[in-house]
Amino acid sequence: MLFGRSRNGGFLLLEALLSITIGIIIICGALGVFAWCIRLFSLTLERIEEKEQALSALYTVFHLARYGDNAVVSEDGRRFSVRLRSATLSVYALRGSLLLAHKGTANPIAEGCTGVAFSFLQHSLTARISFGNEVYTLQVLPGYFKR
């Protein structure tokens, strides 16, 4: 009686081992799918946070350019400065952060910034901000500048 019932009505050892093995395989498969879903969710969350950081940075630069006076880009294109009322504000990247400097204090606008390049040609500001492998370009045309 290899696969039949034992005389007492219970399972044979082979049947019990086979059902335990199948159960373990099913549990491991379910855990693998669960781990894959968590990894996918984590990657998606990182991408969303990166996009939010980029949007926040572009929004800040746009509003500084639009409402500030005397916009100036440094010679190397890594710093953008503007006068807002009586204070001068500067935007630049340093050690993975995009910073807004005001009165000697720099506050982060966005984390994860890998590079920034500003250019000011024909009264049009162009900002290229990199986050990881993504490069975001913002162009503020002359009509948007404060008069």
C-alpha atoms as a PDB file:
ATOM      1  CA  MET A   1       0.000   0.000   0.000  1.00  0.00           C
ATOM      2  CA  LEU A   2       2.179   2.759  -1.242  1.00  0.00           C
ATOM      3  CA  PHE A   3      -0.470   5.397  -2.028  1.00  0.00           C
ATOM      4  CA  GLY A   4      -3.555   4.034  -0.316  1.00  0.00           C
ATOM      5  CA  ARG A   5      -4.913   4.694   3.137  1.00  0.00           C
ATOM      6  CA  SER A   6      -3.435   3.038   6.135  1.00  0.00           C
ATOM      7  CA  ARG A   7      -5.579   0.665   8.090  1.00  0.00           C
ATOM      8  CA  ASN A   8      -6.235   3.284  10.764  1.00  0.00           C
ATOM      9  CA  GLY A   9      -7.679   5.757   8.217  1.00  0.00           C
ATOM     10  CA  GLY A  10      -4.691   8.175   8.334  1.00  0.00           C
ATOM     11  CA  PHE A  11      -2.168   9.164   5.664  1.00  0.00           C
ATOM     12  CA  LEU A  12       0.965   7.291   4.773  1.00  0.00           C
ATOM     13  CA  LEU A  13       4.319   8.957   5.378  1.00  0.00           C
ATOM     14  CA  LEU A  14       4.886   9.393   1.616  1.00  0.00           C
ATOM     15  CA  GLU A  15       1.542  11.199   1.224  1.00  0.00           C
ATOM     16  CA  ALA A  16       2.258  13.501   4.158  1.00  0.00           C
ATOM     17  CA  LEU A  17       5.745  14.378   2.839  1.00  0.00           C
ATOM     18  CA  LEU A  18       4.394  14.997  -0.663  1.00  0.00           C
ATOM     19  CA  SER A  19       1.631  17.315   0.592  1.00  0.00           C
ATOM     20  CA  ILE A  20       4.079  19.214   2.838  1.00  0.00           C
ATOM     21  CA  THR A  21       6.459  19.670  -0.127  1.00  0.00           C
ATOM     22  CA  ILE A  22       3.684  20.972  -2.363  1.00  0.00           C
ATOM     23  CA  GLY A  23       2.535  23.319   0.417  1.00  0.00           C
ATOM     24  CA  ILE A  24       6.058  24.701   0.881  1.00  0.00           C
ATOM     25  CA  ILE A  25       6.405  25.281  -2.876  1.00  0.00           C
ATOM     26  CA  ILE A  26       3.101  27.177  -2.947  1.00  0.00           C
ATOM     27  CA  ILE A  27       4.068  29.290   0.098  1.00  0.00           C
ATOM     28  CA  CYS A  28       7.510  30.090  -1.397  1.00  0.00           C
ATOM     29  CA  GLY A  29       5.882  31.104  -4.684  1.00  0.00           C
ATOM     30  CA  ALA A  30       3.429  33.369  -2.893  1.00  0.00           C
ATOM     31  CA  LEU A  31       6.249  34.961  -0.880  1.00  0.00           C
ATOM     32  CA  GLY A  32       8.251  35.476  -4.077  1.00  0.00           C
ATOM     33  CA  VAL A  33       5.336  37.268  -5.724  1.00  0.00           C
ATOM     34  CA  PHE A  34       4.841  39.361  -2.577  1.00  0.00           C
ATOM     35  CA  ALA A  35       8.554  40.341  -2.499  1.00  0.00           C
ATOM     36  CA  TRP A  36       8.425  41.236  -6.208  1.00  0.00           C
ATOM     37  CA  CYS A  37       5.366  43.456  -5.614  1.00  0.00           C
ATOM     38  CA  ILE A  38       7.102  45.237  -2.728  1.00  0.00           C
ATOM     39  CA  ARG A  39      10.206  45.833  -4.874  1.00  0.00           C
ATOM     40  CA  LEU A  40       8.056  47.157  -7.730  1.00  0.00           C
ATOM     41  CA  PHE A  41       6.143  49.425  -5.346  1.00  0.00           C
ATOM     42  CA  SER A  42       9.423  50.737  -3.913  1.00  0.00           C
ATOM     43  CA  LEU A  43      10.831  51.523  -7.364  1.00  0.00           C
ATOM     44  CA  THR A  44       7.605  53.238  -8.388  1.00  0.00           C
ATOM     45  CA  LEU A  45       7.613  55.299  -5.200  1.00  0.00           C
ATOM     46  CA  GLU A  46      11.213  56.392  -5.849  1.00  0.00           C
ATOM     47  CA  ARG A  47      10.301  57.507  -9.375  1.00  0.00           C
ATOM     48  CA  ILE A  48       7.308  59.473  -8.083  1.00  0.00           C
ATOM     49  CA  GLU A  49       9.441  61.196  -5.441  1.00  0.00           C
ATOM     50  CA  GLU A  50      12.064  62.054  -8.087  1.00  0.00           C
ATOM     51  CA  LYS A  51       9.393  63.575 -10.331  1.00  0.00           C
ATOM     52  CA  GLU A  52       7.968  65.563  -7.414  1.00  0.00           C
ATOM     53  CA  GLN A  53      11.442  66.896  -6.556  1.00  0.00           C
ATOM     54  CA  ALA A  54      11.996  67.921 -10.179  1.00  0.00           C
ATOM     55  CA  LEU A  55       8.604  69.595 -10.408  1.00  0.00           C
ATOM     56  CA  SER A  56       9.232  71.503  -7.191  1.00  0.00           C
ATOM     57  CA  ALA A  57      12.636  72.684  -8.445  1.00  0.00           C
ATOM     58  CA  LEU A  58      11.288  73.791 -11.820  1.00  0.00           C
ATOM     59  CA  TYR A  59       8.354  75.547 -10.158  1.00  0.00           C
ATOM     60  CA  THR A  60      10.687  77.478  -7.838  1.00  0.00           C
ATOM     61  CA  VAL A  61      13.049  78.517 -10.634  1.00  0.00           C
ATOM     62  CA  PHE A  62      10.118  79.581 -12.808  1.00  0.00           C
ATOM     63  CA  HIS A  63       8.610  81.764 -10.098  1.00  0.00           C
ATOM     64  CA  LEU A  64      11.947  83.321  -9.207  1.00  0.00           C
ATOM     65  CA  ALA A  65      12.535  84.189 -12.860  1.00  0.00           C
ATOM     66  CA  ARG A  66       8.999  85.472 -13.314  1.00  0.00           C
ATOM     67  CA  TYR A  67       8.662  87.637 -10.203  1.00  0.00           C
ATOM     68  CA  GLY A  68      12.275  88.649  -9.611  1.00  0.00           C
ATOM     69  CA  ASP A  69      14.288  91.494 -11.091  1.00  0.00           C
ATOM     70  CA  ASN A  70      17.772  91.593 -12.610  1.00  0.00           C
ATOM     71  CA  ALA A  71      18.113  87.912 -13.425  1.00  0.00           C
ATOM     72  CA  VAL A  72      21.775  86.935 -13.770  1.00  0.00           C
ATOM     73  CA  VAL A  73      23.417  83.636 -14.690  1.00  0.00           C
ATOM     74  CA  SER A  74      26.997  82.981 -13.599  1.00  0.00           C
ATOM     75  CA  GLU A  75      29.702  82.587 -16.237  1.00  0.00           C
ATOM     76  CA  ASP A  76      29.896  78.816 -15.770  1.00  0.00           C
ATOM     77  CA  GLY A  77      26.082  78.502 -15.903  1.00  0.00           C
ATOM     78  CA  ARG A  78      25.832  76.745 -12.555  1.00  0.00           C
ATOM     79  CA  ARG A  79      24.217  79.561 -10.563  1.00  0.00           C
ATOM     80  CA  PHE A  80      21.128  81.637 -11.240  1.00  0.00           C
ATOM     81  CA  SER A  81      20.606  84.820  -9.215  1.00  0.00           C
ATOM     82  CA  VAL A  82      17.663  87.175  -9.068  1.00  0.00           C
ATOM     83  CA  ARG A  83      16.661  90.132  -6.923  1.00  0.00           C
ATOM     84  CA  LEU A  84      13.318  89.747  -5.207  1.00  0.00           C
ATOM     85  CA  ARG A  85      12.291  93.000  -3.528  1.00  0.00           C
ATOM     86  CA  SER A  86      15.474  94.044  -1.729  1.00  0.00           C
ATOM     87  CA  ALA A  87      17.063  90.587  -1.326  1.00  0.00           C
ATOM     88  CA  THR A  88      19.180  88.644  -3.783  1.00  0.00           C
ATOM     89  CA  LEU A  89      18.362  84.943  -4.164  1.00  0.00           C
ATOM     90  CA  SER A  90      20.588  82.360  -5.845  1.00  0.00           C
ATOM     91  CA  VAL A  91      19.835  78.847  -7.052  1.00  0.00           C
ATOM     92  CA  TYR A  92      22.639  76.298  -7.478  1.00  0.00           C
ATOM     93  CA  ALA A  93      23.396  72.590  -7.026  1.00  0.00           C
ATOM     94  CA  LEU A  94      25.729  71.245  -4.372  1.00  0.00           C
ATOM     95  CA  ARG A  95      26.314  67.632  -3.261  1.00  0.00           C
ATOM     96  CA  GLY A  96      23.083  66.212  -4.661  1.00  0.00           C
ATOM     97  CA  SER A  97      20.825  69.068  -3.568  1.00  0.00           C
ATOM     98  CA  LEU A  98      19.429  72.035  -5.411  1.00  0.00           C
ATOM     99  CA  LEU A  99      19.798  74.966  -3.040  1.00  0.00           C
ATOM    100  CA  LEU A 100      18.216  78.391  -2.714  1.00  0.00           C
ATOM    101  CA  ALA A 101      20.605  80.862  -1.073  1.00  0.00           C
ATOM    102  CA  HIS A 102      19.245  83.925   0.685  1.00  0.00           C
ATOM    103  CA  LYS A 103      21.135  86.192   3.091  1.00  0.00           C
ATOM    104  CA  GLY A 104      24.003  83.743   3.514  1.00  0.00           C
ATOM    105  CA  THR A 105      21.799  80.732   4.226  1.00  0.00           C
ATOM    106  CA  ALA A 106      21.180  77.983   1.670  1.00  0.00           C
ATOM    107  CA  ASN A 107      18.006  75.929   1.941  1.00  0.00           C
ATOM    108  CA  PRO A 108      17.301  72.846  -0.169  1.00  0.00           C
ATOM    109  CA  ILE A 109      14.691  73.135  -2.888  1.00  0.00           C
ATOM    110  CA  ALA A 110      15.083  69.565  -4.085  1.00  0.00           C
ATOM    111  CA  GLU A 111      17.105  66.498  -3.099  1.00  0.00           C
ATOM    112  CA  GLY A 112      18.684  64.149  -5.617  1.00  0.00           C
ATOM    113  CA  CYS A 113      19.756  66.840  -8.079  1.00  0.00           C
ATOM    114  CA  THR A 114      22.758  65.530 -10.009  1.00  0.00           C
ATOM    115  CA  GLY A 115      23.406  68.626 -12.098  1.00  0.00           C
ATOM    116  CA  VAL A 116      22.142  72.016 -13.139  1.00  0.00           C
ATOM    117  CA  ALA A 117      22.862  74.356 -16.048  1.00  0.00           C
ATOM    118  CA  PHE A 118      21.395  77.811 -16.542  1.00  0.00           C
ATOM    119  CA  SER A 119      21.639  80.011 -19.621  1.00  0.00           C
ATOM    120  CA  PHE A 120      20.248  83.466 -20.262  1.00  0.00           C
ATOM    121  CA  LEU A 121      20.043  84.298 -23.965  1.00  0.00           C
ATOM    122  CA  GLN A 122      17.978  87.025 -25.592  1.00  0.00           C
ATOM    123  CA  HIS A 123      16.060  87.674 -22.366  1.00  0.00           C
ATOM    124  CA  SER A 124      15.048  84.012 -22.177  1.00  0.00           C
ATOM    125  CA  LEU A 125      16.127  81.849 -19.237  1.00  0.00           C
ATOM    126  CA  THR A 126      16.767  78.160 -19.850  1.00  0.00           C
ATOM    127  CA  ALA A 127      17.314  75.828 -16.905  1.00  0.00           C
ATOM    128  CA  ARG A 128      18.391  72.193 -17.301  1.00  0.00           C
ATOM    129  CA  ILE A 129      18.114  70.253 -14.065  1.00  0.00           C
ATOM    130  CA  SER A 130      19.181  66.614 -13.813  1.00  0.00           C
ATOM    131  CA  PHE A 131      17.741  64.102 -11.381  1.00  0.00           C
ATOM    132  CA  GLY A 132      19.359  60.704 -11.843  1.00  0.00           C
ATOM    133  CA  ASN A 133      19.123  59.800 -15.522  1.00  0.00           C
ATOM    134  CA  GLU A 134      16.326  62.281 -16.219  1.00  0.00           C
ATOM    135  CA  VAL A 135      17.032  65.819 -17.470  1.00  0.00           C
ATOM    136  CA  TYR A 136      14.269  68.406 -17.147  1.00  0.00           C
ATOM    137  CA  THR A 137      14.360  71.591 -19.203  1.00  0.00           C
ATOM    138  CA  LEU A 138      12.557  74.776 -18.310  1.00  0.00           C
ATOM    139  CA  GLN A 139      12.502  77.785 -20.611  1.00  0.00           C
ATOM    140  CA  VAL A 140      11.113  81.070 -19.311  1.00  0.00           C
ATOM    141  CA  LEU A 141      10.332  83.327 -22.258  1.00  0.00           C
ATOM    142  CA  PRO A 142      10.613  87.134 -22.061  1.00  0.00           C
ATOM    143  CA  GLY A 143       6.843  87.641 -21.840  1.00  0.00           C
ATOM    144  CA  TYR A 144       6.779  85.887 -18.454  1.00  0.00           C
ATOM    145  CA  PHE A 145       9.350  88.152 -16.804  1.00  0.00           C
ATOM    146  CA  LYS A 146       8.172  90.806 -14.430  1.00  0.00           C
ATOM    147  CA  ARG A 147       8.045  94.226 -16.015  1.00  0.00           C
END
